[in-house]
């Protein structure tokens, strides 16, 4: 028996792509094992197809993703708070390249060259398993004015 191929993610509209390519914070929501949503302010970017955030398996977001890949990412334009994008979908999680991704986000969002040793204590790195959450959009909502 073969399974159906995974549907392609909903494309990110060009009109709002800048919200994923410049250093704008997002609100990333995962679902806990008790069914309750849990939201965190995150750094984010895109790989050209999907929005991405970086976290650890040990933090609440990582623990939630291990049991339920359903996520939401809300990004509001700080220069025009009536303009936003909400991406809902499933997170694909990988450790491949996660430290490099985190350091790239750190350079985009701060003046520091890397995360560990500058933003967060370097002695914590061995205790964390960094992951990239690639959000495969199933639904994208834009503000009514700019949609």
N, C-alpha and C. Protein backbone atom coordinates (compact mmCIF):
# COMPACT_ATOMS: atom_id res chain seq x y z
N UNK A 1 0.85 -1.18 0.00
CA UNK A 1 0.00 0.00 0.00
C UNK A 1 0.90 1.24 0.00
N UNK A 2 0.60 2.17 -0.87
CA UNK A 2 1.37 3.42 -0.91
C UNK A 2 0.52 4.55 -0.36
N UNK A 3 1.20 5.50 0.27
CA UNK A 3 0.47 6.65 0.80
C UNK A 3 0.47 7.76 -0.24
N UNK A 4 -0.50 8.63 -0.11
CA UNK A 4 -0.61 9.76 -1.03
C UNK A 4 0.56 10.70 -0.80
N UNK A 5 1.07 11.31 -1.85
CA UNK A 5 2.18 12.25 -1.67
C UNK A 5 1.72 13.46 -0.86
N UNK A 6 2.65 14.01 -0.11
CA UNK A 6 2.39 15.20 0.70
C UNK A 6 2.03 16.36 -0.23
N UNK A 7 0.91 17.05 0.03
CA UNK A 7 0.56 18.18 -0.85
C UNK A 7 1.60 19.30 -0.72
N UNK A 8 1.78 20.02 -1.80
CA UNK A 8 2.71 21.16 -1.79
C UNK A 8 2.17 22.22 -0.83
N UNK A 9 3.09 22.92 -0.15
CA UNK A 9 2.62 23.98 0.74
C UNK A 9 1.98 25.12 -0.05
N UNK A 10 1.05 25.81 0.59
CA UNK A 10 0.45 27.01 0.00
C UNK A 10 1.58 28.03 -0.16
N UNK A 11 1.72 28.64 -1.33
CA UNK A 11 2.82 29.60 -1.52
C UNK A 11 2.63 30.87 -0.70
N UNK A 12 3.75 31.42 -0.28
CA UNK A 12 3.73 32.69 0.46
C UNK A 12 3.54 33.81 -0.57
N UNK A 13 2.52 34.64 -0.40
CA UNK A 13 2.27 35.71 -1.37
C UNK A 13 3.43 36.71 -1.43
N UNK A 14 3.80 37.10 -2.64
CA UNK A 14 4.87 38.10 -2.83
C UNK A 14 4.58 39.37 -2.05
N UNK A 15 3.30 39.74 -1.94
CA UNK A 15 2.92 40.99 -1.27
C UNK A 15 3.35 41.03 0.19
N UNK A 16 3.57 39.87 0.81
CA UNK A 16 3.91 39.82 2.23
C UNK A 16 5.21 39.07 2.50
N UNK A 17 5.93 38.70 1.46
CA UNK A 17 7.18 37.97 1.61
C UNK A 17 8.21 38.75 2.42
N UNK A 18 8.18 40.08 2.31
CA UNK A 18 9.14 40.90 3.06
C UNK A 18 9.04 40.70 4.57
N UNK A 19 7.86 40.31 5.06
CA UNK A 19 7.71 40.08 6.50
C UNK A 19 8.49 38.85 6.97
N UNK A 20 8.89 38.00 6.01
CA UNK A 20 9.67 36.81 6.35
C UNK A 20 11.15 36.96 5.98
N UNK A 21 11.48 38.04 5.26
CA UNK A 21 12.86 38.20 4.80
C UNK A 21 13.59 39.34 5.50
N UNK A 22 12.89 40.14 6.25
CA UNK A 22 13.55 41.17 7.05
C UNK A 22 13.35 40.83 8.53
N UNK A 23 14.16 41.38 9.41
CA UNK A 23 14.09 40.95 10.82
C UNK A 23 12.86 41.49 11.55
N UNK A 24 11.75 40.83 11.34
CA UNK A 24 10.49 41.13 12.01
C UNK A 24 10.16 39.93 12.90
N UNK A 25 9.83 40.19 14.15
CA UNK A 25 9.49 39.10 15.06
C UNK A 25 8.11 38.52 14.71
N UNK A 26 7.95 37.23 15.03
CA UNK A 26 6.69 36.56 14.81
C UNK A 26 6.18 35.92 16.08
N UNK A 27 4.91 35.62 16.09
CA UNK A 27 4.29 34.90 17.20
C UNK A 27 4.05 33.47 16.72
N UNK A 28 4.79 32.53 17.29
CA UNK A 28 4.76 31.13 16.89
C UNK A 28 3.94 30.35 17.91
N UNK A 29 2.91 29.66 17.44
CA UNK A 29 2.00 28.94 18.33
C UNK A 29 2.05 27.46 18.02
N UNK A 30 2.24 26.67 19.07
CA UNK A 30 2.20 25.22 19.00
C UNK A 30 1.08 24.74 19.91
N UNK A 31 0.77 23.45 19.84
CA UNK A 31 -0.30 22.87 20.65
C UNK A 31 0.31 21.90 21.66
N UNK A 32 0.01 22.12 22.93
CA UNK A 32 0.53 21.25 23.99
C UNK A 32 -0.19 19.92 24.03
N UNK A 33 0.36 18.98 24.79
CA UNK A 33 -0.25 17.65 24.90
C UNK A 33 -1.64 17.72 25.52
N UNK A 34 -1.91 18.80 26.27
CA UNK A 34 -3.24 18.97 26.87
C UNK A 34 -4.21 19.66 25.91
N UNK A 35 -3.75 19.95 24.68
CA UNK A 35 -4.60 20.59 23.69
C UNK A 35 -4.60 22.11 23.74
N UNK A 36 -3.89 22.67 24.69
CA UNK A 36 -3.87 24.12 24.84
C UNK A 36 -2.80 24.74 23.94
N UNK A 37 -3.09 25.90 23.34
CA UNK A 37 -2.08 26.57 22.53
C UNK A 37 -1.00 27.19 23.42
N UNK A 38 0.21 27.26 22.88
CA UNK A 38 1.34 27.89 23.57
C UNK A 38 2.04 28.76 22.55
N UNK A 39 2.17 30.05 22.84
CA UNK A 39 2.75 30.99 21.89
C UNK A 39 4.05 31.58 22.42
N UNK A 40 4.97 31.83 21.48
CA UNK A 40 6.27 32.41 21.81
C UNK A 40 6.64 33.43 20.75
N UNK A 41 7.32 34.48 21.16
CA UNK A 41 7.88 35.44 20.23
C UNK A 41 9.15 34.83 19.64
N UNK A 42 9.29 34.83 18.32
CA UNK A 42 10.42 34.15 17.67
C UNK A 42 11.05 35.01 16.58
N UNK A 43 12.31 34.67 16.29
CA UNK A 43 12.98 35.12 15.08
C UNK A 43 12.57 34.16 13.98
N UNK A 44 12.55 34.62 12.75
CA UNK A 44 12.09 33.77 11.67
C UNK A 44 12.75 34.16 10.37
N UNK A 45 12.62 33.28 9.39
CA UNK A 45 13.05 33.56 8.02
C UNK A 45 12.29 32.63 7.10
N UNK A 46 12.71 32.58 5.85
CA UNK A 46 12.09 31.69 4.88
C UNK A 46 13.18 31.02 4.05
N UNK A 47 12.90 29.83 3.58
CA UNK A 47 13.82 29.15 2.67
C UNK A 47 13.38 29.36 1.21
N UNK A 48 12.43 30.26 1.02
CA UNK A 48 11.90 30.55 -0.31
C UNK A 48 10.57 29.88 -0.57
N UNK A 49 10.31 28.80 0.16
CA UNK A 49 9.04 28.08 0.03
C UNK A 49 8.25 28.11 1.33
N UNK A 50 8.95 27.93 2.44
CA UNK A 50 8.31 27.83 3.76
C UNK A 50 8.94 28.80 4.74
N UNK A 51 8.14 29.27 5.71
CA UNK A 51 8.66 30.04 6.82
C UNK A 51 9.41 29.08 7.75
N UNK A 52 10.43 29.60 8.43
CA UNK A 52 11.21 28.76 9.35
C UNK A 52 11.44 29.50 10.67
N UNK A 53 11.42 28.73 11.75
CA UNK A 53 11.82 29.22 13.06
C UNK A 53 12.81 28.21 13.64
N UNK A 54 13.52 28.63 14.67
CA UNK A 54 14.54 27.79 15.28
C UNK A 54 14.24 27.69 16.77
N UNK A 55 14.31 26.49 17.31
CA UNK A 55 14.09 26.29 18.74
C UNK A 55 14.89 25.06 19.17
N UNK A 56 14.54 24.52 20.32
CA UNK A 56 15.21 23.30 20.79
C UNK A 56 14.16 22.24 21.10
N UNK A 57 14.60 21.00 21.08
CA UNK A 57 13.70 19.91 21.46
C UNK A 57 13.33 19.99 22.93
N UNK A 58 14.18 20.61 23.73
CA UNK A 58 13.98 20.65 25.17
C UNK A 58 13.02 21.75 25.62
N UNK A 59 12.83 22.76 24.82
CA UNK A 59 11.92 23.85 25.20
C UNK A 59 10.48 23.44 24.92
N UNK A 60 9.55 24.20 25.48
CA UNK A 60 8.13 23.86 25.35
C UNK A 60 7.71 23.70 23.90
N UNK A 61 8.17 24.60 23.03
CA UNK A 61 7.81 24.49 21.61
C UNK A 61 8.26 23.15 21.03
N UNK A 62 9.48 22.77 21.34
CA UNK A 62 10.01 21.50 20.83
C UNK A 62 9.26 20.30 21.36
N UNK A 63 8.93 20.34 22.64
CA UNK A 63 8.17 19.23 23.23
C UNK A 63 6.77 19.15 22.61
N UNK A 64 6.16 20.32 22.38
CA UNK A 64 4.84 20.33 21.74
C UNK A 64 4.90 19.78 20.32
N UNK A 65 5.92 20.17 19.57
CA UNK A 65 6.05 19.71 18.18
C UNK A 65 6.25 18.21 18.09
N UNK A 66 6.87 17.63 19.11
CA UNK A 66 7.10 16.18 19.11
C UNK A 66 5.78 15.41 19.15
N UNK A 67 4.75 16.02 19.74
CA UNK A 67 3.47 15.32 19.83
C UNK A 67 2.43 15.82 18.84
N UNK A 68 2.62 17.04 18.30
CA UNK A 68 1.63 17.60 17.38
C UNK A 68 2.33 18.61 16.46
N UNK A 69 2.43 18.34 15.17
CA UNK A 69 3.14 19.25 14.27
C UNK A 69 2.33 20.47 13.83
N UNK A 70 1.07 20.58 14.25
CA UNK A 70 0.23 21.71 13.83
C UNK A 70 0.72 23.00 14.50
N UNK A 71 0.96 24.03 13.67
CA UNK A 71 1.48 25.29 14.17
C UNK A 71 0.82 26.47 13.47
N UNK A 72 1.04 27.64 14.06
CA UNK A 72 0.61 28.89 13.46
C UNK A 72 1.74 29.90 13.67
N UNK A 73 1.96 30.74 12.67
CA UNK A 73 2.95 31.81 12.77
C UNK A 73 2.26 33.10 12.34
N UNK A 74 2.25 34.08 13.21
CA UNK A 74 1.66 35.39 12.93
C UNK A 74 2.78 36.42 12.91
N UNK A 75 2.88 37.16 11.80
CA UNK A 75 3.91 38.19 11.67
C UNK A 75 3.19 39.50 11.32
N UNK A 76 3.41 40.52 12.15
CA UNK A 76 2.78 41.82 11.98
C UNK A 76 3.85 42.82 11.56
N UNK A 77 3.55 43.58 10.53
CA UNK A 77 4.49 44.59 10.04
C UNK A 77 4.63 45.69 11.10
N UNK A 78 5.83 45.89 11.66
CA UNK A 78 5.99 46.92 12.69
C UNK A 78 5.82 48.35 12.16
N UNK A 79 5.95 48.52 10.85
CA UNK A 79 5.79 49.84 10.25
C UNK A 79 4.34 50.15 9.89
N UNK A 80 3.48 49.12 9.88
CA UNK A 80 2.07 49.28 9.57
C UNK A 80 1.35 48.10 10.22
N UNK A 81 0.93 48.28 11.46
CA UNK A 81 0.39 47.16 12.25
C UNK A 81 -0.94 46.63 11.73
N UNK A 82 -1.52 47.28 10.72
CA UNK A 82 -2.72 46.73 10.08
C UNK A 82 -2.34 45.68 9.03
N UNK A 83 -1.05 45.54 8.74
CA UNK A 83 -0.57 44.60 7.72
C UNK A 83 0.05 43.38 8.42
N UNK A 84 -0.43 42.20 8.07
CA UNK A 84 0.08 40.99 8.70
C UNK A 84 -0.06 39.79 7.78
N UNK A 85 0.62 38.72 8.17
CA UNK A 85 0.46 37.42 7.54
C UNK A 85 0.36 36.38 8.64
N UNK A 86 -0.59 35.49 8.51
CA UNK A 86 -0.70 34.35 9.41
C UNK A 86 -0.55 33.09 8.56
N UNK A 87 0.38 32.25 8.98
CA UNK A 87 0.64 30.98 8.29
C UNK A 87 0.26 29.86 9.23
N UNK A 88 -0.67 29.02 8.78
CA UNK A 88 -1.05 27.84 9.56
C UNK A 88 -0.68 26.60 8.77
N UNK A 89 -0.14 25.62 9.46
CA UNK A 89 0.24 24.40 8.77
C UNK A 89 0.92 23.41 9.68
N UNK A 90 1.76 22.60 9.08
CA UNK A 90 2.47 21.54 9.79
C UNK A 90 3.96 21.84 9.78
N UNK A 91 4.59 21.62 10.91
CA UNK A 91 6.03 21.86 11.02
C UNK A 91 6.79 20.58 10.69
N UNK A 92 7.75 20.73 9.79
CA UNK A 92 8.74 19.67 9.55
C UNK A 92 9.95 20.06 10.38
N UNK A 93 10.45 19.14 11.18
CA UNK A 93 11.53 19.44 12.11
C UNK A 93 12.80 18.71 11.68
N UNK A 94 13.92 19.43 11.72
CA UNK A 94 15.21 18.83 11.43
C UNK A 94 16.29 19.45 12.30
N UNK A 95 17.31 18.65 12.61
CA UNK A 95 18.48 19.17 13.31
C UNK A 95 19.56 19.58 12.31
N UNK A 96 19.46 19.14 11.08
CA UNK A 96 20.47 19.44 10.05
C UNK A 96 20.59 20.94 9.82
N UNK A 97 21.76 21.49 10.07
CA UNK A 97 22.00 22.90 9.83
C UNK A 97 21.38 23.83 10.84
N UNK A 98 20.88 23.30 11.96
CA UNK A 98 20.14 24.13 12.91
C UNK A 98 21.02 25.18 13.59
N UNK A 99 22.25 24.84 13.93
CA UNK A 99 23.14 25.83 14.57
C UNK A 99 23.49 26.93 13.57
N UNK A 100 23.79 26.56 12.33
CA UNK A 100 24.10 27.55 11.31
C UNK A 100 22.90 28.47 11.05
N UNK A 101 21.71 27.87 11.03
CA UNK A 101 20.49 28.66 10.85
C UNK A 101 20.30 29.63 12.01
N UNK A 102 20.51 29.15 13.23
CA UNK A 102 20.38 30.00 14.42
C UNK A 102 21.38 31.16 14.36
N UNK A 103 22.60 30.87 13.96
CA UNK A 103 23.61 31.93 13.87
C UNK A 103 23.25 32.94 12.78
N UNK A 104 22.69 32.49 11.68
CA UNK A 104 22.25 33.42 10.62
C UNK A 104 21.11 34.31 11.14
N UNK A 105 20.18 33.73 11.88
CA UNK A 105 19.11 34.53 12.48
C UNK A 105 19.68 35.53 13.48
N UNK A 106 20.64 35.09 14.27
CA UNK A 106 21.28 35.98 15.25
C UNK A 106 21.91 37.18 14.56
N UNK A 107 22.62 36.95 13.45
CA UNK A 107 23.23 38.06 12.71
C UNK A 107 22.16 39.00 12.12
N UNK A 108 21.03 38.44 11.70
CA UNK A 108 19.96 39.26 11.12
C UNK A 108 19.24 40.10 12.18
N UNK A 109 19.06 39.54 13.37
CA UNK A 109 18.26 40.20 14.40
C UNK A 109 19.08 40.98 15.43
N UNK A 110 20.38 40.71 15.51
CA UNK A 110 21.23 41.39 16.50
C UNK A 110 22.52 41.85 15.84
N UNK A 111 23.40 42.41 16.62
CA UNK A 111 24.72 42.81 16.12
C UNK A 111 25.76 41.73 16.40
N UNK A 112 25.33 40.58 16.90
CA UNK A 112 26.25 39.51 17.30
C UNK A 112 26.53 38.53 16.16
N UNK A 113 27.73 37.91 16.15
CA UNK A 113 28.10 36.98 15.08
C UNK A 113 27.50 35.58 15.24
N UNK A 114 27.16 35.20 16.47
CA UNK A 114 26.55 33.89 16.69
C UNK A 114 25.74 33.92 17.99
N UNK A 115 24.92 32.90 18.16
CA UNK A 115 23.98 32.86 19.28
C UNK A 115 24.67 32.47 20.59
N UNK A 116 25.26 31.28 20.59
CA UNK A 116 25.88 30.80 21.83
C UNK A 116 27.16 31.58 22.10
N UNK A 117 27.26 32.08 23.32
CA UNK A 117 28.41 32.87 23.72
C UNK A 117 28.19 34.36 23.58
N UNK A 118 27.11 34.76 22.89
CA UNK A 118 26.81 36.17 22.72
C UNK A 118 25.40 36.51 23.21
N UNK A 119 24.41 35.77 22.75
CA UNK A 119 23.03 36.01 23.15
C UNK A 119 22.66 35.09 24.33
N UNK A 120 23.18 33.89 24.30
CA UNK A 120 22.85 32.86 25.29
C UNK A 120 24.16 32.23 25.75
N UNK A 121 24.24 31.80 27.01
CA UNK A 121 25.51 31.25 27.51
C UNK A 121 26.00 30.05 26.70
N UNK A 122 27.28 30.07 26.35
CA UNK A 122 27.87 29.01 25.55
C UNK A 122 27.83 27.67 26.29
N UNK A 123 27.84 27.70 27.62
CA UNK A 123 27.80 26.43 28.37
C UNK A 123 26.44 25.74 28.30
N UNK A 124 25.42 26.41 27.75
CA UNK A 124 24.11 25.78 27.57
C UNK A 124 24.02 24.96 26.29
N UNK A 125 24.88 25.25 25.32
CA UNK A 125 24.80 24.58 24.01
C UNK A 125 24.83 23.06 24.10
N UNK A 126 25.69 22.44 24.92
CA UNK A 126 25.69 20.97 24.98
C UNK A 126 24.41 20.37 25.56
N UNK A 127 23.60 21.19 26.21
CA UNK A 127 22.38 20.70 26.85
C UNK A 127 21.13 20.90 25.99
N UNK A 128 21.32 21.44 24.79
CA UNK A 128 20.19 21.72 23.91
C UNK A 128 20.37 21.04 22.56
N UNK A 129 19.26 20.57 22.02
CA UNK A 129 19.24 20.00 20.68
C UNK A 129 18.51 21.00 19.79
N UNK A 130 19.25 21.75 19.02
CA UNK A 130 18.66 22.78 18.16
C UNK A 130 17.94 22.16 16.98
N UNK A 131 16.79 22.75 16.62
CA UNK A 131 16.00 22.28 15.48
C UNK A 131 15.52 23.46 14.65
N UNK A 132 15.36 23.19 13.37
CA UNK A 132 14.69 24.13 12.46
C UNK A 132 13.28 23.61 12.26
N UNK A 133 12.30 24.47 12.45
CA UNK A 133 10.89 24.13 12.18
C UNK A 133 10.52 24.80 10.87
N UNK A 134 10.35 24.00 9.87
CA UNK A 134 9.96 24.48 8.53
C UNK A 134 8.45 24.34 8.44
N UNK A 135 7.75 25.45 8.30
CA UNK A 135 6.29 25.44 8.34
C UNK A 135 5.73 25.26 6.93
N UNK A 136 5.14 24.09 6.70
CA UNK A 136 4.48 23.79 5.43
C UNK A 136 3.06 24.38 5.52
N UNK A 137 2.86 25.51 4.87
CA UNK A 137 1.59 26.24 4.97
C UNK A 137 0.44 25.44 4.38
N UNK A 138 -0.61 25.31 5.14
CA UNK A 138 -1.87 24.73 4.67
C UNK A 138 -2.89 25.83 4.41
N UNK A 139 -2.71 26.94 5.14
CA UNK A 139 -3.60 28.10 4.98
C UNK A 139 -2.82 29.35 5.33
N UNK A 140 -2.99 30.38 4.49
CA UNK A 140 -2.36 31.67 4.74
C UNK A 140 -3.45 32.72 4.76
N UNK A 141 -3.43 33.55 5.81
CA UNK A 141 -4.38 34.64 5.95
C UNK A 141 -3.61 35.95 5.92
N UNK A 142 -4.09 36.89 5.13
CA UNK A 142 -3.48 38.22 5.05
C UNK A 142 -4.48 39.23 5.56
N UNK A 143 -3.97 40.40 5.97
CA UNK A 143 -4.87 41.47 6.36
C UNK A 143 -5.79 41.82 5.20
N UNK A 144 -6.97 42.27 5.49
CA UNK A 144 -7.97 42.55 4.46
C UNK A 144 -7.57 43.71 3.55
N UNK A 145 -6.82 44.65 4.08
CA UNK A 145 -6.45 45.85 3.32
C UNK A 145 -5.45 45.52 2.23
N UNK A 146 -4.48 44.65 2.54
CA UNK A 146 -3.39 44.38 1.62
C UNK A 146 -3.47 43.02 0.93
N UNK A 147 -4.53 42.29 1.19
CA UNK A 147 -4.65 40.93 0.62
C UNK A 147 -4.82 40.97 -0.87
